[in-house]
Amino acid sequence: MRVVIAGGHGQIALRLTKLLSASGHSVVGLVRNPAHESDIAAAGGEAAVLDLESADVEDVAKVLAGADVAVFAAGAGPGSGNERKDTVDRGAAALLADAAERAGVRRYLQVGSINADRADDPDLDPDDTFTIYLKAKKAAEDDLRARDGLDWTILRPGALTNDPGTGRVLLTDKTGFGNITRDDVALVLAGLCETPASIGRTLELIEGDTPVAEALATL
């Protein structure tokens, strides 16, 4: 299986690259900074230097050619400013989806936010960076759900931690708010690549008592 990950240098993406490559899969991490290529290689993947804020759909489709799965795990990150919440968290997600359709890559995973449903909450300040972030995430989700050419799954993790993974989670349509380790998010994403029962679903993920393999098998 060949997997292309947008946001390839992110903490979840590097963990996912290690898991997939250790299982014998081929992984390409999309990064905009050439200095990150060595970290991708150390995780067992191959880097493709491409800026999703300036690339066109043909550029991205070339990297996706021959892939089995596309994963959008990119994000503007803290301190990036309101404008980049839109250009990355929404715009880059839509671009990767466009390119996946162009390249014929049907399986598509998108990392969202467990708070995305709050984007239109009237109690939130519309000019606050967090609100703008949520609106960008929700717009990216809405865009993906409208596509017939992709076998998509949206994964909404809870509050991310760097604690060691437990391999036990709660994975379902609605979980309520909670924490989840980045290790366990990556483990679930690796499993979702080959879980047809998750196609067309928006799943939330927090810490729980169910082993990941069982949680995936019972979707």
N, C-alpha and C. Protein backbone atom coordinates (compact mmCIF):
# COMPACT_ATOMS: atom_id res chain seq x y z
N MET A 1 0.85 -1.19 0.00
CA MET A 1 0.00 0.00 0.00
C MET A 1 0.89 1.25 0.00
N ARG A 2 0.54 2.20 -0.84
CA ARG A 2 1.27 3.47 -0.91
C ARG A 2 0.37 4.57 -0.33
N VAL A 3 0.89 5.29 0.65
CA VAL A 3 0.12 6.30 1.36
C VAL A 3 0.84 7.64 1.25
N VAL A 4 0.11 8.68 0.88
CA VAL A 4 0.65 10.03 0.81
C VAL A 4 0.03 10.86 1.93
N ILE A 5 0.88 11.48 2.74
CA ILE A 5 0.41 12.22 3.91
C ILE A 5 0.74 13.70 3.75
N ALA A 6 -0.28 14.55 3.71
CA ALA A 6 -0.07 15.99 3.71
C ALA A 6 0.17 16.44 5.15
N GLY A 7 1.14 17.34 5.31
CA GLY A 7 1.55 17.69 6.67
C GLY A 7 2.48 16.64 7.22
N GLY A 8 3.35 16.13 6.34
CA GLY A 8 4.16 14.95 6.65
C GLY A 8 5.13 15.11 7.80
N HIS A 9 5.44 16.36 8.18
CA HIS A 9 6.37 16.56 9.29
C HIS A 9 5.66 16.79 10.62
N GLY A 10 4.35 16.74 10.62
CA GLY A 10 3.59 16.91 11.85
C GLY A 10 3.80 15.74 12.80
N GLN A 11 3.47 15.97 14.06
CA GLN A 11 3.73 14.94 15.07
C GLN A 11 2.93 13.67 14.83
N ILE A 12 1.67 13.81 14.43
CA ILE A 12 0.87 12.63 14.12
C ILE A 12 1.36 11.98 12.84
N ALA A 13 1.67 12.79 11.84
CA ALA A 13 2.10 12.26 10.54
C ALA A 13 3.39 11.45 10.66
N LEU A 14 4.36 11.93 11.44
CA LEU A 14 5.60 11.18 11.60
C LEU A 14 5.36 9.86 12.31
N ARG A 15 4.48 9.87 13.29
CA ARG A 15 4.13 8.61 13.97
C ARG A 15 3.45 7.65 13.01
N LEU A 16 2.55 8.18 12.19
CA LEU A 16 1.85 7.36 11.20
C LEU A 16 2.82 6.79 10.18
N THR A 17 3.77 7.60 9.75
CA THR A 17 4.79 7.14 8.81
C THR A 17 5.58 5.96 9.38
N LYS A 18 5.97 6.06 10.64
CA LYS A 18 6.71 4.98 11.29
C LYS A 18 5.89 3.69 11.33
N LEU A 19 4.62 3.82 11.71
CA LEU A 19 3.76 2.64 11.80
C LEU A 19 3.58 1.97 10.45
N LEU A 20 3.26 2.78 9.44
CA LEU A 20 3.00 2.21 8.12
C LEU A 20 4.26 1.62 7.50
N SER A 21 5.36 2.33 7.60
CA SER A 21 6.60 1.83 7.00
C SER A 21 7.08 0.55 7.71
N ALA A 22 6.87 0.47 9.02
CA ALA A 22 7.26 -0.73 9.77
C ALA A 22 6.42 -1.93 9.35
N SER A 23 5.23 -1.66 8.80
CA SER A 23 4.36 -2.75 8.33
C SER A 23 4.58 -3.07 6.86
N GLY A 24 5.59 -2.44 6.26
CA GLY A 24 5.94 -2.75 4.88
C GLY A 24 5.28 -1.87 3.84
N HIS A 25 4.60 -0.82 4.26
CA HIS A 25 3.94 0.06 3.32
C HIS A 25 4.89 1.18 2.87
N SER A 26 4.59 1.76 1.73
CA SER A 26 5.36 2.88 1.19
C SER A 26 4.66 4.19 1.58
N VAL A 27 5.42 5.12 2.15
CA VAL A 27 4.83 6.36 2.64
C VAL A 27 5.56 7.57 2.05
N VAL A 28 4.78 8.52 1.57
CA VAL A 28 5.32 9.79 1.09
C VAL A 28 4.75 10.90 1.97
N GLY A 29 5.63 11.70 2.54
CA GLY A 29 5.20 12.83 3.36
C GLY A 29 5.36 14.13 2.60
N LEU A 30 4.27 14.87 2.43
CA LEU A 30 4.35 16.18 1.78
C LEU A 30 4.79 17.22 2.80
N VAL A 31 5.87 17.92 2.49
CA VAL A 31 6.40 18.97 3.37
C VAL A 31 6.74 20.18 2.51
N ARG A 32 6.71 21.36 3.11
CA ARG A 32 7.10 22.55 2.35
C ARG A 32 8.52 22.97 2.65
N ASN A 33 9.12 22.44 3.71
CA ASN A 33 10.47 22.80 4.12
C ASN A 33 11.43 21.66 3.80
N PRO A 34 12.39 21.87 2.88
CA PRO A 34 13.33 20.80 2.54
C PRO A 34 14.14 20.29 3.74
N ALA A 35 14.28 21.11 4.77
CA ALA A 35 15.03 20.69 5.95
C ALA A 35 14.34 19.54 6.70
N HIS A 36 13.08 19.30 6.38
CA HIS A 36 12.33 18.24 7.06
C HIS A 36 12.47 16.88 6.39
N GLU A 37 13.13 16.85 5.24
CA GLU A 37 13.25 15.59 4.51
C GLU A 37 13.93 14.50 5.33
N SER A 38 14.95 14.87 6.10
CA SER A 38 15.68 13.87 6.87
C SER A 38 14.82 13.25 7.96
N ASP A 39 13.91 14.02 8.55
CA ASP A 39 13.03 13.48 9.57
C ASP A 39 12.03 12.49 8.98
N ILE A 40 11.55 12.79 7.79
CA ILE A 40 10.66 11.86 7.09
C ILE A 40 11.41 10.55 6.81
N ALA A 41 12.64 10.68 6.32
CA ALA A 41 13.44 9.49 6.01
C ALA A 41 13.71 8.68 7.26
N ALA A 42 13.99 9.35 8.36
CA ALA A 42 14.26 8.64 9.62
C ALA A 42 13.04 7.86 10.09
N ALA A 43 11.85 8.33 9.74
CA ALA A 43 10.62 7.63 10.11
C ALA A 43 10.28 6.51 9.14
N GLY A 44 11.07 6.38 8.08
CA GLY A 44 10.85 5.30 7.12
C GLY A 44 10.11 5.70 5.88
N GLY A 45 9.90 7.02 5.70
CA GLY A 45 9.16 7.48 4.53
C GLY A 45 10.03 8.22 3.54
N GLU A 46 9.38 8.72 2.52
CA GLU A 46 10.03 9.52 1.47
C GLU A 46 9.38 10.89 1.45
N ALA A 47 10.16 11.93 1.40
CA ALA A 47 9.61 13.29 1.42
C ALA A 47 9.37 13.80 0.00
N ALA A 48 8.28 14.54 -0.16
CA ALA A 48 8.02 15.28 -1.38
C ALA A 48 7.84 16.74 -0.97
N VAL A 49 8.72 17.60 -1.47
CA VAL A 49 8.69 19.01 -1.08
C VAL A 49 7.68 19.74 -1.95
N LEU A 50 6.61 20.22 -1.30
CA LEU A 50 5.50 20.83 -2.02
C LEU A 50 4.72 21.71 -1.05
N ASP A 51 4.51 22.95 -1.40
CA ASP A 51 3.78 23.87 -0.55
C ASP A 51 2.32 23.89 -0.98
N LEU A 52 1.44 23.34 -0.16
CA LEU A 52 0.03 23.24 -0.52
C LEU A 52 -0.68 24.60 -0.53
N GLU A 53 -0.02 25.64 -0.06
CA GLU A 53 -0.61 26.97 -0.13
C GLU A 53 -0.31 27.66 -1.45
N SER A 54 0.62 27.12 -2.22
CA SER A 54 0.96 27.76 -3.50
C SER A 54 0.92 26.79 -4.68
N ALA A 55 0.90 25.49 -4.42
CA ALA A 55 0.90 24.50 -5.50
C ALA A 55 -0.46 24.50 -6.21
N ASP A 56 -0.46 24.01 -7.45
CA ASP A 56 -1.74 23.83 -8.14
C ASP A 56 -2.12 22.36 -8.11
N VAL A 57 -3.32 22.07 -8.54
CA VAL A 57 -3.85 20.71 -8.41
C VAL A 57 -3.03 19.71 -9.21
N GLU A 58 -2.48 20.12 -10.34
CA GLU A 58 -1.69 19.19 -11.16
C GLU A 58 -0.38 18.81 -10.44
N ASP A 59 0.24 19.79 -9.77
CA ASP A 59 1.46 19.50 -9.02
C ASP A 59 1.20 18.44 -7.95
N VAL A 60 0.10 18.60 -7.24
CA VAL A 60 -0.22 17.67 -6.15
C VAL A 60 -0.64 16.31 -6.71
N ALA A 61 -1.39 16.32 -7.80
CA ALA A 61 -1.85 15.07 -8.40
C ALA A 61 -0.67 14.21 -8.87
N LYS A 62 0.40 14.85 -9.32
CA LYS A 62 1.59 14.09 -9.74
C LYS A 62 2.18 13.32 -8.58
N VAL A 63 2.21 13.94 -7.39
CA VAL A 63 2.75 13.25 -6.22
C VAL A 63 1.82 12.11 -5.79
N LEU A 64 0.53 12.31 -5.98
CA LEU A 64 -0.45 11.31 -5.57
C LEU A 64 -0.59 10.16 -6.56
N ALA A 65 -0.05 10.31 -7.75
CA ALA A 65 -0.19 9.27 -8.78
C ALA A 65 0.32 7.93 -8.25
N GLY A 66 -0.52 6.91 -8.35
CA GLY A 66 -0.14 5.57 -7.93
C GLY A 66 -0.37 5.29 -6.46
N ALA A 67 -0.85 6.28 -5.71
CA ALA A 67 -1.11 6.07 -4.28
C ALA A 67 -2.41 5.30 -4.08
N ASP A 68 -2.49 4.61 -2.96
CA ASP A 68 -3.72 3.92 -2.57
C ASP A 68 -4.54 4.74 -1.58
N VAL A 69 -3.86 5.57 -0.80
CA VAL A 69 -4.53 6.34 0.25
C VAL A 69 -3.91 7.73 0.31
N ALA A 70 -4.75 8.76 0.47
CA ALA A 70 -4.29 10.12 0.76
C ALA A 70 -4.76 10.48 2.15
N VAL A 71 -3.87 11.09 2.93
CA VAL A 71 -4.19 11.48 4.30
C VAL A 71 -3.92 12.98 4.45
N PHE A 72 -4.93 13.73 4.88
CA PHE A 72 -4.71 15.14 5.17
C PHE A 72 -4.53 15.29 6.67
N ALA A 73 -3.27 15.53 7.07
CA ALA A 73 -2.94 15.70 8.49
C ALA A 73 -2.23 17.03 8.71
N ALA A 74 -2.40 17.96 7.78
CA ALA A 74 -1.74 19.25 7.88
C ALA A 74 -2.54 20.21 8.74
N GLY A 75 -1.89 21.26 9.20
CA GLY A 75 -2.55 22.30 9.96
C GLY A 75 -1.65 23.51 10.05
N ALA A 76 -2.27 24.67 10.13
CA ALA A 76 -1.46 25.89 10.20
C ALA A 76 -0.68 25.98 11.50
N GLY A 77 -1.22 25.41 12.56
CA GLY A 77 -0.50 25.37 13.83
C GLY A 77 -0.67 26.64 14.65
N PRO A 78 -0.32 26.56 15.93
CA PRO A 78 -0.45 27.71 16.82
C PRO A 78 0.41 28.89 16.36
N GLY A 79 -0.12 30.08 16.51
CA GLY A 79 0.65 31.27 16.19
C GLY A 79 0.78 31.56 14.71
N SER A 80 0.02 30.85 13.88
CA SER A 80 0.17 31.01 12.44
C SER A 80 -0.66 32.17 11.88
N GLY A 81 -1.57 32.71 12.67
CA GLY A 81 -2.38 33.81 12.17
C GLY A 81 -3.69 33.34 11.57
N ASN A 82 -4.67 34.23 11.56
CA ASN A 82 -6.01 33.87 11.10
C ASN A 82 -6.06 33.51 9.62
N GLU A 83 -5.30 34.21 8.80
CA GLU A 83 -5.37 33.97 7.36
C GLU A 83 -4.96 32.54 7.02
N ARG A 84 -3.91 32.06 7.69
CA ARG A 84 -3.42 30.71 7.36
C ARG A 84 -4.33 29.61 7.91
N LYS A 85 -5.18 29.95 8.85
CA LYS A 85 -6.19 28.96 9.27
C LYS A 85 -7.06 28.60 8.08
N ASP A 86 -7.34 29.60 7.24
CA ASP A 86 -8.16 29.34 6.06
C ASP A 86 -7.34 28.71 4.93
N THR A 87 -6.15 29.25 4.67
CA THR A 87 -5.39 28.75 3.52
C THR A 87 -4.86 27.34 3.73
N VAL A 88 -4.62 26.94 4.98
CA VAL A 88 -4.12 25.59 5.25
C VAL A 88 -5.25 24.66 5.67
N ASP A 89 -5.92 24.98 6.78
CA ASP A 89 -6.90 24.05 7.35
C ASP A 89 -8.11 23.84 6.44
N ARG A 90 -8.44 24.82 5.62
CA ARG A 90 -9.51 24.63 4.64
C ARG A 90 -8.96 24.48 3.23
N GLY A 91 -8.19 25.49 2.78
CA GLY A 91 -7.76 25.53 1.39
C GLY A 91 -6.88 24.37 0.99
N ALA A 92 -5.89 24.05 1.82
CA ALA A 92 -4.99 22.94 1.48
C ALA A 92 -5.72 21.60 1.53
N ALA A 93 -6.68 21.48 2.44
CA ALA A 93 -7.46 20.24 2.50
C ALA A 93 -8.26 20.06 1.21
N ALA A 94 -8.89 21.13 0.74
CA ALA A 94 -9.65 21.05 -0.50
C ALA A 94 -8.76 20.76 -1.69
N LEU A 95 -7.56 21.35 -1.70
CA LEU A 95 -6.62 21.11 -2.79
C LEU A 95 -6.19 19.65 -2.83
N LEU A 96 -5.88 19.07 -1.66
CA LEU A 96 -5.48 17.66 -1.65
C LEU A 96 -6.62 16.77 -2.12
N ALA A 97 -7.85 17.10 -1.72
CA ALA A 97 -9.00 16.31 -2.17
C ALA A 97 -9.18 16.44 -3.68
N ASP A 98 -9.05 17.65 -4.21
CA ASP A 98 -9.12 17.85 -5.66
C ASP A 98 -8.07 16.99 -6.37
N ALA A 99 -6.86 17.02 -5.84
CA ALA A 99 -5.75 16.29 -6.47
C ALA A 99 -5.96 14.78 -6.37
N ALA A 100 -6.51 14.32 -5.25
CA ALA A 100 -6.79 12.89 -5.11
C ALA A 100 -7.80 12.44 -6.15
N GLU A 101 -8.83 13.24 -6.36
CA GLU A 101 -9.81 12.90 -7.40
C GLU A 101 -9.16 12.91 -8.77
N ARG A 102 -8.31 13.90 -9.02
CA ARG A 102 -7.63 13.99 -10.32
C ARG A 102 -6.73 12.79 -10.54
N ALA A 103 -6.06 12.32 -9.49
CA ALA A 103 -5.11 11.20 -9.61
C ALA A 103 -5.78 9.84 -9.49
N GLY A 104 -7.07 9.81 -9.19
CA GLY A 104 -7.77 8.55 -9.06
C GLY A 104 -7.50 7.82 -7.76
N VAL A 105 -7.17 8.57 -6.71
CA VAL A 105 -6.93 7.98 -5.39
C VAL A 105 -8.24 8.10 -4.60
N ARG A 106 -8.96 7.02 -4.46
CA ARG A 106 -10.29 7.10 -3.86
C ARG A 106 -10.24 7.18 -2.33
N ARG A 107 -9.34 6.41 -1.70
CA ARG A 107 -9.36 6.37 -0.23
C ARG A 107 -8.72 7.63 0.33
N TYR A 108 -9.47 8.33 1.18
CA TYR A 108 -9.05 9.65 1.65
C TYR A 108 -9.41 9.80 3.12
N LEU A 109 -8.39 10.06 3.93
CA LEU A 109 -8.59 10.30 5.36
C LEU A 109 -8.27 11.75 5.68
N GLN A 110 -9.11 12.36 6.49
CA GLN A 110 -8.89 13.76 6.87
C GLN A 110 -8.95 13.88 8.39
N VAL A 111 -7.91 14.49 8.96
CA VAL A 111 -7.89 14.74 10.39
C VAL A 111 -8.58 16.07 10.66
N GLY A 112 -9.67 16.02 11.42
CA GLY A 112 -10.42 17.22 11.72
C GLY A 112 -10.26 17.62 13.17
N SER A 113 -11.30 18.21 13.72
CA SER A 113 -11.29 18.66 15.11
C SER A 113 -12.58 18.24 15.78
N ILE A 114 -12.48 17.73 16.99
CA ILE A 114 -13.66 17.28 17.72
C ILE A 114 -14.61 18.45 18.01
N ASN A 115 -14.09 19.68 17.93
CA ASN A 115 -14.91 20.86 18.18
C ASN A 115 -15.53 21.46 16.93
N ALA A 116 -15.36 20.83 15.78
CA ALA A 116 -15.80 21.44 14.52
C ALA A 116 -17.29 21.78 14.52
N ASP A 117 -18.10 21.01 15.22
CA ASP A 117 -19.54 21.28 15.26
C ASP A 117 -19.86 22.58 16.00
N ARG A 118 -18.89 23.12 16.72
CA ARG A 118 -19.11 24.37 17.46
C ARG A 118 -18.82 25.60 16.60
N ALA A 119 -18.43 25.40 15.37
CA ALA A 119 -17.98 26.52 14.53
C ALA A 119 -19.01 27.63 14.41
N ASP A 120 -20.29 27.27 14.42
CA ASP A 120 -21.35 28.27 14.25
C ASP A 120 -22.02 28.63 15.57
N ASP A 121 -21.39 28.29 16.68
CA ASP A 121 -21.93 28.61 18.00
C ASP A 121 -22.00 30.14 18.17
N PRO A 122 -23.17 30.71 18.39
CA PRO A 122 -23.28 32.17 18.51
C PRO A 122 -22.57 32.73 19.74
N ASP A 123 -22.24 31.86 20.69
CA ASP A 123 -21.53 32.32 21.88
C ASP A 123 -20.04 32.53 21.65
N LEU A 124 -19.54 32.05 20.51
CA LEU A 124 -18.11 32.20 20.21
C LEU A 124 -17.87 33.53 19.51
N ASP A 125 -16.77 34.15 19.81
CA ASP A 125 -16.37 35.41 19.17
C ASP A 125 -15.95 35.11 17.73
N PRO A 126 -16.66 35.66 16.74
CA PRO A 126 -16.35 35.34 15.34
C PRO A 126 -14.97 35.80 14.90
N ASP A 127 -14.36 36.73 15.63
CA ASP A 127 -13.04 37.22 15.26
C ASP A 127 -11.92 36.53 16.02
N ASP A 128 -12.28 35.63 16.93
CA ASP A 128 -11.27 34.92 17.70
C ASP A 128 -10.59 33.87 16.82
N THR A 129 -9.28 33.70 17.02
CA THR A 129 -8.52 32.75 16.19
C THR A 129 -9.07 31.33 16.31
N PHE A 130 -9.50 30.94 17.51
CA PHE A 130 -10.05 29.59 17.69
C PHE A 130 -11.32 29.41 16.86
N THR A 131 -12.18 30.41 16.84
CA THR A 131 -13.40 30.32 16.06
C THR A 131 -13.09 30.23 14.57
N ILE A 132 -12.15 31.03 14.12
CA ILE A 132 -11.75 31.01 12.71
C ILE A 132 -11.18 29.64 12.34
N TYR A 133 -10.40 29.07 13.25
CA TYR A 133 -9.86 27.72 13.05
C TYR A 133 -11.00 26.70 12.91
N LEU A 134 -11.97 26.76 13.82
CA LEU A 134 -13.09 25.81 13.76
C LEU A 134 -13.88 25.97 12.48
N LYS A 135 -14.09 27.20 12.04
CA LYS A 135 -14.83 27.43 10.80
C LYS A 135 -14.07 26.85 9.60
N ALA A 136 -12.74 26.98 9.62
CA ALA A 136 -11.94 26.41 8.54
C ALA A 136 -12.03 24.89 8.53
N LYS A 137 -11.98 24.28 9.72
CA LYS A 137 -12.08 22.83 9.83
C LYS A 137 -13.46 22.34 9.37
N LYS A 138 -14.49 23.05 9.79
CA LYS A 138 -15.85 22.65 9.39
C LYS A 138 -16.04 22.81 7.88
N ALA A 139 -15.51 23.89 7.32
CA ALA A 139 -15.62 24.08 5.87
C ALA A 139 -14.91 22.97 5.11
N ALA A 140 -13.75 22.54 5.62
CA ALA A 140 -13.02 21.44 4.98
C ALA A 140 -13.82 20.14 5.06
N GLU A 141 -14.47 19.92 6.19
CA GLU A 141 -15.30 18.72 6.34
C GLU A 141 -16.50 18.77 5.39
N ASP A 142 -17.16 19.92 5.34
CA ASP A 142 -18.33 20.06 4.46
C ASP A 142 -17.95 19.85 3.00
N ASP A 143 -16.80 20.37 2.62
CA ASP A 143 -16.31 20.19 1.25
C ASP A 143 -16.10 18.71 0.94
N LEU A 144 -15.50 18.00 1.89
CA LEU A 144 -15.19 16.59 1.67
C LEU A 144 -16.46 15.75 1.59
N ARG A 145 -17.42 16.04 2.44
CA ARG A 145 -18.67 15.26 2.44
C ARG A 145 -19.44 15.41 1.14
N ALA A 146 -19.21 16.49 0.43
CA ALA A 146 -19.95 16.74 -0.82
C ALA A 146 -19.33 16.03 -2.01
N ARG A 147 -18.21 15.36 -1.82
CA ARG A 147 -17.51 14.73 -2.94
C ARG A 147 -17.95 13.28 -3.12
N ASP A 148 -18.33 12.95 -4.36
CA ASP A 148 -18.72 11.58 -4.68
C ASP A 148 -17.54 10.75 -5.17
N GLY A 149 -16.43 11.42 -5.51
CA GLY A 149 -15.31 10.71 -6.11
C GLY A 149 -14.30 10.18 -5.12
N LEU A 150 -14.59 10.31 -3.82
CA LEU A 150 -13.65 9.85 -2.80
C LEU A 150 -14.34 8.96 -1.78
N ASP A 151 -13.63 7.94 -1.34
CA ASP A 151 -14.09 7.10 -0.22
C ASP A 151 -13.49 7.70 1.05
N TRP A 152 -14.16 8.71 1.59
CA TRP A 152 -13.57 9.52 2.63
C TRP A 152 -13.96 9.07 4.04
N THR A 153 -13.08 9.37 4.96
CA THR A 153 -13.36 9.26 6.40
C THR A 153 -12.78 10.49 7.08
N ILE A 154 -13.54 11.11 7.95
CA ILE A 154 -13.06 12.22 8.76
C ILE A 154 -12.84 11.70 10.18
N LEU A 155 -11.65 11.91 10.70
CA LEU A 155 -11.33 11.51 12.07
C LEU A 155 -11.15 12.77 12.90
N ARG A 156 -11.96 12.89 13.95
CA ARG A 156 -11.90 14.05 14.84
C ARG A 156 -11.29 13.64 16.20
N PRO A 157 -10.01 13.86 16.40
CA PRO A 157 -9.41 13.53 17.70
C PRO A 157 -9.81 14.56 18.75
N GLY A 158 -9.77 14.11 20.02
CA GLY A 158 -9.96 15.02 21.12
C GLY A 158 -8.69 15.82 21.37
N ALA A 159 -8.54 16.31 22.58
CA ALA A 159 -7.36 17.11 22.94
C ALA A 159 -6.11 16.23 22.89
N LEU A 160 -5.14 16.64 22.09
CA LEU A 160 -3.97 15.81 21.82
C LEU A 160 -2.93 15.91 22.94
N THR A 161 -2.35 14.76 23.30
CA THR A 161 -1.28 14.74 24.29
C THR A 161 -0.10 13.96 23.74
N ASN A 162 1.05 14.16 24.34
CA ASN A 162 2.26 13.42 23.96
C ASN A 162 2.55 12.27 24.91
N ASP A 163 1.58 11.90 25.73
CA ASP A 163 1.75 10.74 26.60
C ASP A 163 1.92 9.49 25.74
N PRO A 164 2.56 8.46 26.28
CA PRO A 164 2.66 7.20 25.53
C PRO A 164 1.28 6.64 25.22
N GLY A 165 1.12 6.09 24.03
CA GLY A 165 -0.16 5.51 23.65
C GLY A 165 -0.51 4.30 24.50
N THR A 166 -1.80 4.10 24.68
CA THR A 166 -2.27 2.94 25.44
C THR A 166 -2.80 1.85 24.52
N GLY A 167 -3.12 2.23 23.26
CA GLY A 167 -3.72 1.26 22.34
C GLY A 167 -5.18 0.99 22.64
N ARG A 168 -5.77 1.77 23.56
CA ARG A 168 -7.18 1.61 23.92
C ARG A 168 -7.89 2.94 23.73
N VAL A 169 -9.02 2.90 23.06
CA VAL A 169 -9.67 4.14 22.63
C VAL A 169 -11.18 4.03 22.70
N LEU A 170 -11.82 5.17 22.53
CA LEU A 170 -13.25 5.24 22.23
C LEU A 170 -13.37 5.87 20.86
N LEU A 171 -13.85 5.11 19.90
CA LEU A 171 -13.94 5.54 18.50
C LEU A 171 -15.37 5.32 18.03
N THR A 172 -16.09 6.42 17.84
CA THR A 172 -17.49 6.31 17.44
C THR A 172 -17.95 7.64 16.86
N ASP A 173 -19.22 7.72 16.49
CA ASP A 173 -19.72 8.93 15.84
C ASP A 173 -19.68 10.14 16.78
N LYS A 174 -20.01 9.93 18.05
CA LYS A 174 -19.99 11.01 19.04
C LYS A 174 -19.40 10.45 20.33
N THR A 175 -18.36 11.11 20.82
CA THR A 175 -17.71 10.63 22.03
C THR A 175 -17.87 11.57 23.21
N GLY A 176 -18.18 12.83 22.97
CA GLY A 176 -17.99 13.82 24.01
C GLY A 176 -16.52 14.19 24.05
N PHE A 177 -16.19 15.27 24.77
CA PHE A 177 -14.82 15.76 24.75
C PHE A 177 -13.94 14.94 25.68
N GLY A 178 -12.67 14.77 25.28
CA GLY A 178 -11.70 14.04 26.09
C GLY A 178 -10.33 14.15 25.47
N ASN A 179 -9.36 13.55 26.12
CA ASN A 179 -7.99 13.55 25.61
C ASN A 179 -7.72 12.32 24.76
N ILE A 180 -6.67 12.41 23.96
CA ILE A 180 -6.20 11.27 23.19
C ILE A 180 -4.72 11.48 22.88
N THR A 181 -3.92 10.43 22.98
CA THR A 181 -2.50 10.57 22.68
C THR A 181 -2.28 10.60 21.17
N ARG A 182 -1.24 11.30 20.77
CA ARG A 182 -0.88 11.31 19.35
C ARG A 182 -0.51 9.91 18.87
N ASP A 183 0.10 9.13 19.73
CA ASP A 183 0.42 7.74 19.37
C ASP A 183 -0.84 6.99 18.96
N ASP A 184 -1.90 7.14 19.74
CA ASP A 184 -3.13 6.39 19.46
C ASP A 184 -3.88 6.95 18.26
N VAL A 185 -3.78 8.26 18.01
CA VAL A 185 -4.37 8.82 16.79
C VAL A 185 -3.70 8.20 15.57
N ALA A 186 -2.38 8.13 15.59
CA ALA A 186 -1.65 7.54 14.46
C ALA A 186 -2.01 6.07 14.28
N LEU A 187 -2.16 5.36 15.39
CA LEU A 187 -2.51 3.94 15.31
C LEU A 187 -3.89 3.75 14.69
N VAL A 188 -4.82 4.61 15.05
CA VAL A 188 -6.16 4.53 14.47
C VAL A 188 -6.13 4.90 12.98
N LEU A 189 -5.40 5.94 12.64
CA LEU A 189 -5.30 6.32 11.22
C LEU A 189 -4.73 5.20 10.38
N ALA A 190 -3.72 4.54 10.90
CA ALA A 190 -3.11 3.41 10.16
C ALA A 190 -4.16 2.34 9.90
N GLY A 191 -4.98 2.06 10.90
CA GLY A 191 -6.03 1.06 10.73
C GLY A 191 -7.13 1.51 9.80
N LEU A 192 -7.47 2.79 9.84
CA LEU A 192 -8.54 3.31 8.99
C LEU A 192 -8.20 3.21 7.50
N CYS A 193 -6.91 3.21 7.18
CA CYS A 193 -6.51 3.08 5.78
C CYS A 193 -7.14 1.85 5.13
N GLU A 194 -7.37 0.82 5.94
CA GLU A 194 -7.88 -0.45 5.42
C GLU A 194 -9.15 -0.89 6.15
N THR A 195 -9.99 0.09 6.48
CA THR A 195 -11.26 -0.22 7.17
C THR A 195 -12.42 0.33 6.34
N PRO A 196 -12.96 -0.46 5.41
CA PRO A 196 -14.04 0.03 4.55
C PRO A 196 -15.27 0.47 5.32
N ALA A 197 -15.51 -0.08 6.51
CA ALA A 197 -16.69 0.28 7.28
C ALA A 197 -16.67 1.74 7.73
N SER A 198 -15.52 2.37 7.65
CA SER A 198 -15.42 3.78 8.07
C SER A 198 -15.70 4.75 6.92
N ILE A 199 -15.86 4.26 5.72
CA ILE A 199 -16.06 5.13 4.56
C ILE A 199 -17.37 5.90 4.70
N GLY A 200 -17.29 7.21 4.45
CA GLY A 200 -18.47 8.05 4.53
C GLY A 200 -18.88 8.41 5.94
N ARG A 201 -17.97 8.24 6.89
CA ARG A 201 -18.30 8.51 8.29
C ARG A 201 -17.39 9.57 8.89
N THR A 202 -17.93 10.32 9.83
CA THR A 202 -17.17 11.26 10.64
C THR A 202 -17.07 10.65 12.03
N LEU A 203 -15.86 10.31 12.44
CA LEU A 203 -15.64 9.57 13.68
C LEU A 203 -14.88 10.43 14.68
N GLU A 204 -15.31 10.37 15.93
CA GLU A 204 -14.60 11.06 17.00
C GLU A 204 -13.77 10.05 17.79
N LEU A 205 -12.66 10.54 18.35
CA LEU A 205 -11.69 9.65 18.98
C LEU A 205 -11.16 10.25 20.27
N ILE A 206 -11.34 9.54 21.37
CA ILE A 206 -10.75 9.93 22.66
C ILE A 206 -10.24 8.67 23.35
N GLU A 207 -9.61 8.87 24.50
CA GLU A 207 -9.16 7.73 25.29
C GLU A 207 -10.34 6.85 25.66
N GLY A 208 -10.09 5.55 25.76
CA GLY A 208 -11.16 4.63 26.12
C GLY A 208 -10.62 3.31 26.59
N ASP A 209 -11.47 2.30 26.60
CA ASP A 209 -11.10 0.98 27.10
C ASP A 209 -11.01 -0.09 26.03
N THR A 210 -11.35 0.27 24.78
CA THR A 210 -11.40 -0.72 23.71
C THR A 210 -10.10 -0.76 22.92
N PRO A 211 -9.47 -1.93 22.76
CA PRO A 211 -8.28 -2.01 21.92
C PRO A 211 -8.56 -1.48 20.51
N VAL A 212 -7.58 -0.81 19.93
CA VAL A 212 -7.79 -0.18 18.62
C VAL A 212 -8.29 -1.16 17.58
N ALA A 213 -7.71 -2.35 17.49
CA ALA A 213 -8.13 -3.32 16.49
C ALA A 213 -9.60 -3.68 16.65
N GLU A 214 -10.05 -3.81 17.89
CA GLU A 214 -11.44 -4.11 18.14
C GLU A 214 -12.35 -2.93 17.81
N ALA A 215 -11.89 -1.73 18.17
CA ALA A 215 -12.68 -0.53 17.85
C ALA A 215 -12.89 -0.38 16.36
N LEU A 216 -11.86 -0.68 15.57
CA LEU A 216 -11.98 -0.60 14.12
C LEU A 216 -12.87 -1.70 13.56
N ALA A 217 -12.75 -2.89 14.12
CA ALA A 217 -13.50 -4.04 13.62
C ALA A 217 -14.98 -3.93 13.89
N THR A 218 -15.38 -3.13 14.87
CA THR A 218 -16.79 -3.03 15.24
C THR A 218 -17.45 -1.74 14.74
N LEU A 219 -16.78 -1.01 13.85
CA LEU A 219 -17.39 0.19 13.30
C LEU A 219 -18.63 -0.16 12.46
